PDB file of N, CA and C in Angstrom:
ATOM      1  N   UNK A   1       8.242  -4.271  -9.554  1.00  0.00           N
ATOM      2  CA  UNK A   1       8.697  -4.708 -10.857  1.00  0.00           C
ATOM      3  C   UNK A   1       9.307  -3.376 -11.570  1.00  0.00           C
ATOM      4  N   UNK A   2       8.789  -2.357 -11.375  1.00  0.00           N
ATOM      5  CA  UNK A   2       9.490  -0.836 -11.899  1.00  0.00           C
ATOM      6  C   UNK A   2      10.748  -0.580 -11.395  1.00  0.00           C
ATOM      7  N   UNK A   3      10.724  -0.960 -10.126  1.00  0.00           N
ATOM      8  CA  UNK A   3      12.163  -0.753  -9.352  1.00  0.00           C
ATOM      9  C   UNK A   3      13.159  -1.580  -9.840  1.00  0.00           C
ATOM     10  N   UNK A   4      12.812  -2.927 -10.108  1.00  0.00           N
ATOM     11  CA  UNK A   4      13.956  -3.761 -10.715  1.00  0.00           C
ATOM     12  C   UNK A   4      14.451  -3.413 -12.093  1.00  0.00           C
ATOM     13  N   UNK A   5      13.306  -2.945 -12.958  1.00  0.00           N
ATOM     14  CA  UNK A   5      13.760  -2.619 -14.160  1.00  0.00           C
ATOM     15  C   UNK A   5      14.588  -1.375 -14.184  1.00  0.00           C
ATOM     16  N   UNK A   6      14.424  -0.338 -13.239  1.00  0.00           N
ATOM     17  CA  UNK A   6      15.118   0.861 -13.353  1.00  0.00           C
ATOM     18  C   UNK A   6      16.670   0.412 -12.748  1.00  0.00           C
ATOM     19  N   UNK A   7      16.647  -0.421 -11.852  1.00  0.00           N
ATOM     20  CA  UNK A   7      18.143  -0.834 -11.439  1.00  0.00           C
ATOM     21  C   UNK A   7      18.664  -1.651 -12.341  1.00  0.00           C
ATOM     22  N   UNK A   8      17.990  -2.325 -13.166  1.00  0.00           N
ATOM     23  CA  UNK A   8      18.649  -3.033 -14.389  1.00  0.00           C
ATOM     24  C   UNK A   8      19.164  -2.087 -15.459  1.00  0.00           C
ATOM     25  N   UNK A   9      18.198  -1.244 -15.729  1.00  0.00           N
ATOM     26  CA  UNK A   9      18.710  -0.079 -16.775  1.00  0.00           C
ATOM     27  C   UNK A   9      20.118   0.637 -16.059  1.00  0.00           C
ATOM     28  N   UNK A  10      19.925   0.837 -14.682  1.00  0.00           N
ATOM     29  CA  UNK A  10      21.190   1.515 -13.911  1.00  0.00           C
ATOM     30  C   UNK A  10      22.447   0.703 -14.169  1.00  0.00           C
ATOM     31  N   UNK A  11      22.289  -0.457 -14.108  1.00  0.00           N
ATOM     32  CA  UNK A  11      23.283  -1.578 -14.109  1.00  0.00           C
ATOM     33  C   UNK A  11      23.881  -1.493 -15.657  1.00  0.00           C
ATOM     34  N   UNK A  12      23.009  -1.372 -16.517  1.00  0.00           N
ATOM     35  CA  UNK A  12      23.446  -1.459 -17.916  1.00  0.00           C
ATOM     36  C   UNK A  12      24.274  -0.040 -18.342  1.00  0.00           C
ATOM     37  N   UNK A  13      23.764   0.878 -17.842  1.00  0.00           N
ATOM     38  CA  UNK A  13      24.412   2.164 -17.901  1.00  0.00           C
ATOM     39  C   UNK A  13      26.005   2.186 -17.417  1.00  0.00           C
ATOM     40  N   UNK A  14      25.841   1.679 -16.338  1.00  0.00           N
ATOM     41  CA  UNK A  14      27.264   1.590 -15.599  1.00  0.00           C
ATOM     42  C   UNK A  14      28.072   0.634 -16.356  1.00  0.00           C
ATOM     43  N   UNK A  15      27.643  -0.565 -16.920  1.00  0.00           N
ATOM     44  CA  UNK A  15      28.608  -1.244 -17.728  1.00  0.00           C
ATOM     45  C   UNK A  15      28.948  -0.476 -19.007  1.00  0.00           C
ATOM     46  N   UNK A  16      28.167   0.426 -19.384  1.00  0.00           N
ATOM     47  CA  UNK A  16      28.300   1.051 -20.710  1.00  0.00           C
ATOM     48  C   UNK A  16      29.101   2.458 -20.530  1.00  0.00           C
ATOM     49  N   UNK A  17      29.663   2.592 -19.193  1.00  0.00           N
ATOM     50  CA  UNK A  17      30.528   3.589 -18.565  1.00  0.00           C
ATOM     51  C   UNK A  17      29.658   5.148 -18.817  1.00  0.00           C
ATOM     52  N   UNK A  18      28.311   4.943 -18.812  1.00  0.00           N
ATOM     53  CA  UNK A  18      27.363   6.258 -18.810  1.00  0.00           C
ATOM     54  C   UNK A  18      27.083   6.642 -17.641  1.00  0.00           C
ATOM     55  N   UNK A  19      27.672   6.317 -16.442  1.00  0.00           N
ATOM     56  CA  UNK A  19      27.459   6.894 -15.070  1.00  0.00           C
ATOM     57  C   UNK A  19      28.719   7.276 -14.449  1.00  0.00           C
ATOM     58  N   UNK A  20      28.341   8.217 -13.485  1.00  0.00           N
ATOM     59  CA  UNK A  20      29.724   8.533 -12.573  1.00  0.00           C
ATOM     60  C   UNK A  20      29.295   8.388 -11.249  1.00  0.00           C
ATOM     61  N   UNK A  21      29.842   7.701 -10.327  1.00  0.00           N
ATOM     62  CA  UNK A  21      29.717   7.586  -9.188  1.00  0.00           C
ATOM     63  C   UNK A  21      30.576   8.071  -7.978  1.00  0.00           C
ATOM     64  N   UNK A  22      30.176   8.504  -6.966  1.00  0.00           N
ATOM     65  CA  UNK A  22      30.885   8.935  -6.059  1.00  0.00           C
ATOM     66  C   UNK A  22      30.547  10.394  -5.858  1.00  0.00           C
ATOM     67  N   UNK A  23      30.634  10.903  -4.622  1.00  0.00           N
ATOM     68  CA  UNK A  23      30.327  12.226  -4.372  1.00  0.00           C
ATOM     69  C   UNK A  23      31.253  13.323  -5.258  1.00  0.00           C
ATOM     70  N   UNK A  24      32.455  13.121  -4.797  1.00  0.00           N
ATOM     71  CA  UNK A  24      33.597  14.240  -5.598  1.00  0.00           C
ATOM     72  C   UNK A  24      33.487  14.149  -6.937  1.00  0.00           C
ATOM     73  N   UNK A  25      33.451  13.065  -7.417  1.00  0.00           N
ATOM     74  CA  UNK A  25      33.347  12.970  -9.010  1.00  0.00           C
ATOM     75  C   UNK A  25      32.082  13.406  -9.599  1.00  0.00           C
ATOM     76  N   UNK A  26      30.964  13.391  -8.716  1.00  0.00           N
ATOM     77  CA  UNK A  26      29.708  13.942  -9.320  1.00  0.00           C
ATOM     78  C   UNK A  26      29.624  15.489  -9.230  1.00  0.00           C
ATOM     79  N   UNK A  27      30.056  15.823  -8.054  1.00  0.00           N
ATOM     80  CA  UNK A  27      30.229  17.431  -7.906  1.00  0.00           C
ATOM     81  C   UNK A  27      30.890  17.929  -8.863  1.00  0.00           C
ATOM     82  N   UNK A  28      31.996  17.462  -9.571  1.00  0.00           N
ATOM     83  CA  UNK A  28      32.954  18.019 -10.516  1.00  0.00           C
ATOM     84  C   UNK A  28      32.064  17.762 -11.831  1.00  0.00           C
ATOM     85  N   UNK A  29      31.303  16.576 -12.075  1.00  0.00           N
ATOM     86  CA  UNK A  29      30.791  16.280 -13.246  1.00  0.00           C
ATOM     87  C   UNK A  29      29.391  17.530 -13.453  1.00  0.00           C
ATOM     88  N   UNK A  30      28.848  17.950 -12.197  1.00  0.00           N
ATOM     89  CA  UNK A  30      27.806  18.745 -12.315  1.00  0.00           C
ATOM     90  C   UNK A  30      28.306  20.108 -12.794  1.00  0.00           C
ATOM     91  N   UNK A  31      29.416  20.505 -12.518  1.00  0.00           N
ATOM     92  CA  UNK A  31      30.081  21.900 -13.188  1.00  0.00           C
ATOM     93  C   UNK A  31      30.144  21.772 -14.553  1.00  0.00           C
ATOM     94  N   UNK A  32      30.643  20.435 -15.237  1.00  0.00           N
ATOM     95  CA  UNK A  32      31.004  20.304 -16.469  1.00  0.00           C
ATOM     96  C   UNK A  32      29.640  20.112 -17.346  1.00  0.00           C
ATOM     97  N   UNK A  33      28.646  20.151 -16.798  1.00  0.00           N
ATOM     98  CA  UNK A  33      27.161  19.715 -17.436  1.00  0.00           C
ATOM     99  C   UNK A  33      26.987  18.506 -18.025  1.00  0.00           C
ATOM    100  N   UNK A  34      27.827  17.494 -17.178  1.00  0.00           N
ATOM    101  CA  UNK A  34      27.700  16.141 -17.881  1.00  0.00           C
ATOM    102  C   UNK A  34      26.570  15.270 -17.194  1.00  0.00           C
ATOM    103  N   UNK A  35      25.906  15.760 -16.265  1.00  0.00           N
ATOM    104  CA  UNK A  35      24.983  14.940 -15.435  1.00  0.00           C
ATOM    105  C   UNK A  35      23.440  15.076 -15.986  1.00  0.00           C
ATOM    106  N   UNK A  36      22.848  14.181 -16.247  1.00  0.00           N
ATOM    107  CA  UNK A  36      21.520  14.158 -16.918  1.00  0.00           C
ATOM    108  C   UNK A  36      20.461  13.867 -15.823  1.00  0.00           C
ATOM    109  N   UNK A  37      20.662  12.933 -14.840  1.00  0.00           N
ATOM    110  CA  UNK A  37      19.836  12.409 -13.644  1.00  0.00           C
ATOM    111  C   UNK A  37      20.789  11.901 -12.576  1.00  0.00           C
ATOM    112  N   UNK A  38      20.263  12.114 -11.339  1.00  0.00           N
ATOM    113  CA  UNK A  38      21.109  11.782 -10.055  1.00  0.00           C
ATOM    114  C   UNK A  38      20.120  10.870  -9.255  1.00  0.00           C
ATOM    115  N   UNK A  39      20.757   9.699  -8.890  1.00  0.00           N
ATOM    116  CA  UNK A  39      20.156   8.714  -7.940  1.00  0.00           C
ATOM    117  C   UNK A  39      20.945   8.708  -6.716  1.00  0.00           C
ATOM    118  N   UNK A  40      20.139   9.314  -5.831  1.00  0.00           N
ATOM    119  CA  UNK A  40      20.936   9.364  -4.431  1.00  0.00           C
ATOM    120  C   UNK A  40      20.099   8.251  -3.236  1.00  0.00           C
ATOM    121  N   UNK A  41      20.923   7.606  -2.812  1.00  0.00           N
ATOM    122  CA  UNK A  41      20.406   6.560  -1.787  1.00  0.00           C
ATOM    123  C   UNK A  41      19.385   7.076  -0.926  1.00  0.00           C
ATOM    124  N   UNK A  42      18.308   6.240  -0.620  1.00  0.00           N
ATOM    125  CA  UNK A  42      17.224   6.886   0.419  1.00  0.00           C
ATOM    126  C   UNK A  42      17.838   6.862   1.838  1.00  0.00           C
ATOM    127  N   UNK A  43      18.678   6.131   1.917  1.00  0.00           N
ATOM    128  CA  UNK A  43      19.462   6.184   3.300  1.00  0.00           C
ATOM    129  C   UNK A  43      20.770   6.893   3.565  1.00  0.00           C
ATOM    130  N   UNK A  44      20.974   7.863   2.679  1.00  0.00           N
ATOM    131  CA  UNK A  44      22.274   8.682   2.605  1.00  0.00           C
ATOM    132  C   UNK A  44      22.143   9.449   3.694  1.00  0.00           C
ATOM    133  N   UNK A  45      23.280  10.037   4.170  1.00  0.00           N
ATOM    134  CA  UNK A  45      23.586  11.009   5.519  1.00  0.00           C
ATOM    135  C   UNK A  45      22.934  12.162   4.970  1.00  0.00           C
ATOM    136  N   UNK A  46      22.783  13.015   6.116  1.00  0.00           N
ATOM    137  CA  UNK A  46      22.318  14.517   5.911  1.00  0.00           C
ATOM    138  C   UNK A  46      23.149  15.447   5.236  1.00  0.00           C
ATOM    139  N   UNK A  47      24.359  15.355   5.249  1.00  0.00           N
ATOM    140  CA  UNK A  47      25.337  16.057   4.642  1.00  0.00           C
ATOM    141  C   UNK A  47      25.455  16.025   3.288  1.00  0.00           C
ATOM    142  N   UNK A  48      25.594  14.747   2.610  1.00  0.00           N
ATOM    143  CA  UNK A  48      25.490  14.340   1.200  1.00  0.00           C
ATOM    144  C   UNK A  48      24.147  14.787   0.541  1.00  0.00           C
ATOM    145  N   UNK A  49      23.073  14.560   1.448  1.00  0.00           N
ATOM    146  CA  UNK A  49      21.744  14.555   0.899  1.00  0.00           C
ATOM    147  C   UNK A  49      21.450  16.178   0.531  1.00  0.00           C
ATOM    148  N   UNK A  50      21.735  16.936   1.580  1.00  0.00           N
ATOM    149  CA  UNK A  50      21.814  18.345   1.296  1.00  0.00           C
ATOM    150  C   UNK A  50      22.647  18.979   0.187  1.00  0.00           C
ATOM    151  N   UNK A  51      23.695  18.337   0.176  1.00  0.00           N
ATOM    152  CA  UNK A  51      24.688  18.857  -1.049  1.00  0.00           C
ATOM    153  C   UNK A  51      24.023  18.634  -2.328  1.00  0.00           C
ATOM    154  N   UNK A  52      23.709  17.417  -2.534  1.00  0.00           N
ATOM    155  CA  UNK A  52      23.089  16.908  -3.848  1.00  0.00           C
ATOM    156  C   UNK A  52      21.823  17.377  -4.108  1.00  0.00           C
ATOM    157  N   UNK A  53      21.031  17.563  -3.250  1.00  0.00           N
ATOM    158  CA  UNK A  53      19.734  18.034  -3.508  1.00  0.00           C
ATOM    159  C   UNK A  53      19.894  19.646  -4.008  1.00  0.00           C
ATOM    160  N   UNK A  54      20.588  20.240  -3.218  1.00  0.00           N
ATOM    161  CA  UNK A  54      20.921  21.594  -3.785  1.00  0.00           C
ATOM    162  C   UNK A  54      21.674  21.884  -5.063  1.00  0.00           C
ATOM    163  N   UNK A  55      22.504  21.071  -5.769  1.00  0.00           N
ATOM    164  CA  UNK A  55      23.048  20.876  -6.782  1.00  0.00           C
ATOM    165  C   UNK A  55      22.185  20.458  -7.846  1.00  0.00           C
ATOM    166  N   UNK A  56      21.173  19.581  -7.511  1.00  0.00           N
ATOM    167  CA  UNK A  56      20.232  19.291  -8.541  1.00  0.00           C
ATOM    168  C   UNK A  56      19.304  20.271  -8.963  1.00  0.00           C
ATOM    169  N   UNK A  57      18.922  21.085  -7.772  1.00  0.00           N
ATOM    170  CA  UNK A  57      17.833  22.241  -7.698  1.00  0.00           C
ATOM    171  C   UNK A  57      18.721  23.399  -8.674  1.00  0.00           C
ATOM    172  N   UNK A  58      19.909  23.499  -8.210  1.00  0.00           N
ATOM    173  CA  UNK A  58      20.627  24.759  -8.866  1.00  0.00           C
ATOM    174  C   UNK A  58      20.806  24.385 -10.490  1.00  0.00           C
ATOM    175  N   UNK A  59      21.247  23.093 -11.101  1.00  0.00           N
ATOM    176  CA  UNK A  59      21.396  22.812 -12.225  1.00  0.00           C
ATOM    177  C   UNK A  59      20.129  22.209 -12.940  1.00  0.00           C
ATOM    178  N   UNK A  60      18.909  22.185 -12.286  1.00  0.00           N
ATOM    179  CA  UNK A  60      17.675  21.586 -13.022  1.00  0.00           C
ATOM    180  C   UNK A  60      17.878  19.967 -13.162  1.00  0.00           C
ATOM    181  N   UNK A  61      18.509  19.173 -12.555  1.00  0.00           N
ATOM    182  CA  UNK A  61      18.582  18.046 -12.604  1.00  0.00           C
ATOM    183  C   UNK A  61      17.588  17.074 -11.873  1.00  0.00           C
ATOM    184  N   UNK A  62      17.091  15.920 -12.556  1.00  0.00           N
ATOM    185  CA  UNK A  62      15.929  15.183 -11.774  1.00  0.00           C
ATOM    186  C   UNK A  62      16.723  14.367 -10.867  1.00  0.00           C
ATOM    187  N   UNK A  63      15.920  14.337  -9.597  1.00  0.00           N
ATOM    188  CA  UNK A  63      16.809  13.394  -8.480  1.00  0.00           C
ATOM    189  C   UNK A  63      15.787  12.386  -8.108  1.00  0.00           C
ATOM    190  N   UNK A  64      16.511  11.270  -7.974  1.00  0.00           N
ATOM    191  CA  UNK A  64      15.598   9.834  -7.825  1.00  0.00           C
ATOM    192  C   UNK A  64      16.273   9.299  -6.152  1.00  0.00           C
ATOM    193  N   UNK A  65      15.166   9.226  -5.576  1.00  0.00           N
ATOM    194  CA  UNK A  65      15.670   8.790  -3.973  1.00  0.00           C
ATOM    195  C   UNK A  65      14.981   7.528  -3.593  1.00  0.00           C
ATOM    196  N   UNK A  66      14.683   6.594  -4.439  1.00  0.00           N
ATOM    197  CA  UNK A  66      13.642   5.367  -4.306  1.00  0.00           C
ATOM    198  C   UNK A  66      14.330   4.087  -4.066  1.00  0.00           C
ATOM    199  N   UNK A  67      15.791   4.279  -4.005  1.00  0.00           N
ATOM    200  CA  UNK A  67      16.453   2.995  -3.586  1.00  0.00           C
ATOM    201  C   UNK A  67      17.438   3.189  -2.515  1.00  0.00           C
ATOM    202  N   UNK A  68      17.846   2.055  -1.770  1.00  0.00           N
ATOM    203  CA  UNK A  68      18.763   1.941  -0.782  1.00  0.00           C
ATOM    204  C   UNK A  68      20.138   1.879  -1.199  1.00  0.00           C
ATOM    205  N   UNK A  69      21.244   1.991  -0.235  1.00  0.00           N
ATOM    206  CA  UNK A  69      22.419   1.912  -0.540  1.00  0.00           C
ATOM    207  C   UNK A  69      22.722   0.319  -1.006  1.00  0.00           C
ATOM    208  N   UNK A  70      22.236  -0.429  -0.342  1.00  0.00           N
ATOM    209  CA  UNK A  70      22.252  -1.922  -0.832  1.00  0.00           C
ATOM    210  C   UNK A  70      21.788  -2.260  -2.185  1.00  0.00           C
ATOM    211  N   UNK A  71      20.753  -1.461  -2.586  1.00  0.00           N
ATOM    212  CA  UNK A  71      20.093  -1.898  -3.857  1.00  0.00           C
ATOM    213  C   UNK A  71      20.917  -0.994  -4.872  1.00  0.00           C
ATOM    214  N   UNK A  72      21.375  -0.180  -4.817  1.00  0.00           N
ATOM    215  CA  UNK A  72      22.442   0.698  -5.626  1.00  0.00           C
ATOM    216  C   UNK A  72      23.599  -0.151  -5.725  1.00  0.00           C
ATOM    217  N   UNK A  73      24.068  -0.937  -4.733  1.00  0.00           N
ATOM    218  CA  UNK A  73      25.369  -1.570  -4.793  1.00  0.00           C
ATOM    219  C   UNK A  73      25.100  -2.698  -5.451  1.00  0.00           C
ATOM    220  N   UNK A  74      23.807  -3.455  -5.455  1.00  0.00           N
ATOM    221  CA  UNK A  74      23.449  -4.655  -6.219  1.00  0.00           C
ATOM    222  C   UNK A  74      23.456  -4.318  -7.622  1.00  0.00           C
ATOM    223  N   UNK A  75      22.963  -3.013  -7.900  1.00  0.00           N
ATOM    224  CA  UNK A  75      22.634  -2.896  -9.456  1.00  0.00           C
ATOM    225  C   UNK A  75      23.910  -2.429 -10.176  1.00  0.00           C
ATOM    226  N   UNK A  76      24.828  -1.749  -9.441  1.00  0.00           N
ATOM    227  CA  UNK A  76      26.064  -1.315  -9.999  1.00  0.00           C
ATOM    228  C   UNK A  76      27.412  -2.189  -9.937  1.00  0.00           C
ATOM    229  N   UNK A  77      27.404  -3.053  -8.963  1.00  0.00           N
ATOM    230  CA  UNK A  77      28.536  -3.898  -8.415  1.00  0.00           C
ATOM    231  C   UNK A  77      29.498  -3.279  -7.641  1.00  0.00           C
ATOM    232  N   UNK A  78      29.075  -1.914  -6.918  1.00  0.00           N
ATOM    233  CA  UNK A  78      30.105  -1.602  -5.786  1.00  0.00           C
ATOM    234  C   UNK A  78      29.159  -0.556  -5.091  1.00  0.00           C
ATOM    235  N   UNK A  79      29.783  -0.525  -3.892  1.00  0.00           N
ATOM    236  CA  UNK A  79      29.010   0.363  -2.784  1.00  0.00           C
ATOM    237  C   UNK A  79      28.960   1.891  -3.104  1.00  0.00           C
ATOM    238  N   UNK A  80      27.973   2.520  -3.388  1.00  0.00           N
ATOM    239  CA  UNK A  80      27.934   3.970  -3.680  1.00  0.00           C
ATOM    240  C   UNK A  80      26.456   4.364  -3.171  1.00  0.00           C
ATOM    241  N   UNK A  81      26.777   5.802  -2.626  1.00  0.00           N
ATOM    242  CA  UNK A  81      25.577   6.482  -2.015  1.00  0.00           C
ATOM    243  C   UNK A  81      24.804   7.361  -3.229  1.00  0.00           C
ATOM    244  N   UNK A  82      25.637   7.854  -4.046  1.00  0.00           N
ATOM    245  CA  UNK A  82      25.066   8.550  -5.195  1.00  0.00           C
ATOM    246  C   UNK A  82      25.760   8.372  -6.611  1.00  0.00           C
ATOM    247  N   UNK A  83      24.887   8.175  -7.531  1.00  0.00           N
ATOM    248  CA  UNK A  83      25.138   8.004  -8.912  1.00  0.00           C
ATOM    249  C   UNK A  83      24.538   8.764  -9.906  1.00  0.00           C
ATOM    250  N   UNK A  84      25.368   9.332 -10.666  1.00  0.00           N
ATOM    251  CA  UNK A  84      24.989  10.293 -11.804  1.00  0.00           C
ATOM    252  C   UNK A  84      24.784   9.592 -13.241  1.00  0.00           C
ATOM    253  N   UNK A  85      23.865   9.793 -14.038  1.00  0.00           N
ATOM    254  CA  UNK A  85      23.718   9.377 -15.170  1.00  0.00           C
ATOM    255  C   UNK A  85      24.019  10.425 -16.371  1.00  0.00           C
ATOM    256  N   UNK A  86      24.854   9.949 -17.128  1.00  0.00           N
ATOM    257  CA  UNK A  86      25.262  10.881 -18.186  1.00  0.00           C
ATOM    258  C   UNK A  86      24.715  10.783 -19.555  1.00  0.00           C
ATOM    259  N   UNK A  87      23.735   9.968 -19.574  1.00  0.00           N
ATOM    260  CA  UNK A  87      23.160   9.573 -21.067  1.00  0.00           C
ATOM    261  C   UNK A  87      21.871   9.910 -21.025  1.00  0.00           C
ATOM    262  N   UNK A  88      21.328  10.895 -21.805  1.00  0.00           N
ATOM    263  CA  UNK A  88      19.886  11.268 -22.163  1.00  0.00           C
ATOM    264  C   UNK A  88      18.947  10.133 -22.135  1.00  0.00           C
ATOM    265  N   UNK A  89      19.178   9.071 -22.871  1.00  0.00           N
ATOM    266  CA  UNK A  89      18.481   7.910 -23.370  1.00  0.00           C
ATOM    267  C   UNK A  89      18.337   6.948 -22.111  1.00  0.00           C
ATOM    268  N   UNK A  90      19.339   6.769 -21.397  1.00  0.00           N
ATOM    269  CA  UNK A  90      19.292   6.182 -19.941  1.00  0.00           C
ATOM    270  C   UNK A  90      18.283   6.803 -19.138  1.00  0.00           C
ATOM    271  N   UNK A  91      18.529   8.053 -19.009  1.00  0.00           N
ATOM    272  CA  UNK A  91      17.878   8.976 -18.000  1.00  0.00           C
ATOM    273  C   UNK A  91      16.173   8.849 -18.346  1.00  0.00           C
ATOM    274  N   UNK A  92      15.977   8.927 -19.785  1.00  0.00           N
ATOM    275  CA  UNK A  92      14.625   9.017 -19.856  1.00  0.00           C
ATOM    276  C   UNK A  92      14.073   7.371 -19.835  1.00  0.00           C
ATOM    277  N   UNK A  93      14.794   6.578 -19.954  1.00  0.00           N
ATOM    278  CA  UNK A  93      14.291   5.006 -19.900  1.00  0.00           C
ATOM    279  C   UNK A  93      14.235   4.692 -18.299  1.00  0.00           C
ATOM    280  N   UNK A  94      15.107   5.174 -17.298  1.00  0.00           N
ATOM    281  CA  UNK A  94      15.010   4.831 -15.966  1.00  0.00           C
ATOM    282  C   UNK A  94      13.656   5.779 -15.378  1.00  0.00           C
ATOM    283  N   UNK A  95      13.676   7.078 -15.783  1.00  0.00           N
ATOM    284  CA  UNK A  95      12.526   7.786 -15.182  1.00  0.00           C
ATOM    285  C   UNK A  95      11.230   7.064 -15.740  1.00  0.00           C
ATOM    286  N   UNK A  96      10.915   6.652 -17.145  1.00  0.00           N
ATOM    287  CA  UNK A  96       9.887   6.017 -17.570  1.00  0.00           C
ATOM    288  C   UNK A  96       9.714   4.855 -16.904  1.00  0.00           C
ATOM    289  N   UNK A  97      10.586   4.066 -16.395  1.00  0.00           N
ATOM    290  CA  UNK A  97      10.623   2.827 -15.619  1.00  0.00           C
ATOM    291  C   UNK A  97       9.883   3.076 -14.101  1.00  0.00           C
ATOM    292  N   UNK A  98      10.235   4.205 -13.679  1.00  0.00           N
ATOM    293  CA  UNK A  98       9.793   4.607 -12.304  1.00  0.00           C
ATOM    294  C   UNK A  98       8.431   5.565 -12.432  1.00  0.00           C
ATOM    295  N   UNK A  99       8.055   5.818 -13.661  1.00  0.00           N
ATOM    296  CA  UNK A  99       6.868   6.630 -13.903  1.00  0.00           C
ATOM    297  C   UNK A  99       7.025   8.011 -13.400  1.00  0.00           C
ATOM    298  N   UNK A 100       8.152   8.502 -13.468  1.00  0.00           N
ATOM    299  CA  UNK A 100       8.626   9.893 -12.877  1.00  0.00           C
ATOM    300  C   UNK A 100       8.121  10.882 -13.738  1.00  0.00           C
TER     301      UNK A 100
END
């Protein structure tokens, strides 16, 4: 239940244009300080996983690995491995829904 609520919130954030998806766009957004929360697919490849984990550690950004690529695609309407949330309110709501 918590997973479906958090995915619904992620979908709402995407429709409100408060997410950044895709590896390259996300890495650029890290440098600009736009990212509040990162959701990385649990079935992501080793290279992207290491890169994103390192960036999240460096910038002290929470990282969620609870969803597969398929679940993320279903939530946002396009196939992505990594998604960054740029809004503090959505970040808190998603973390609360997952009890992180």
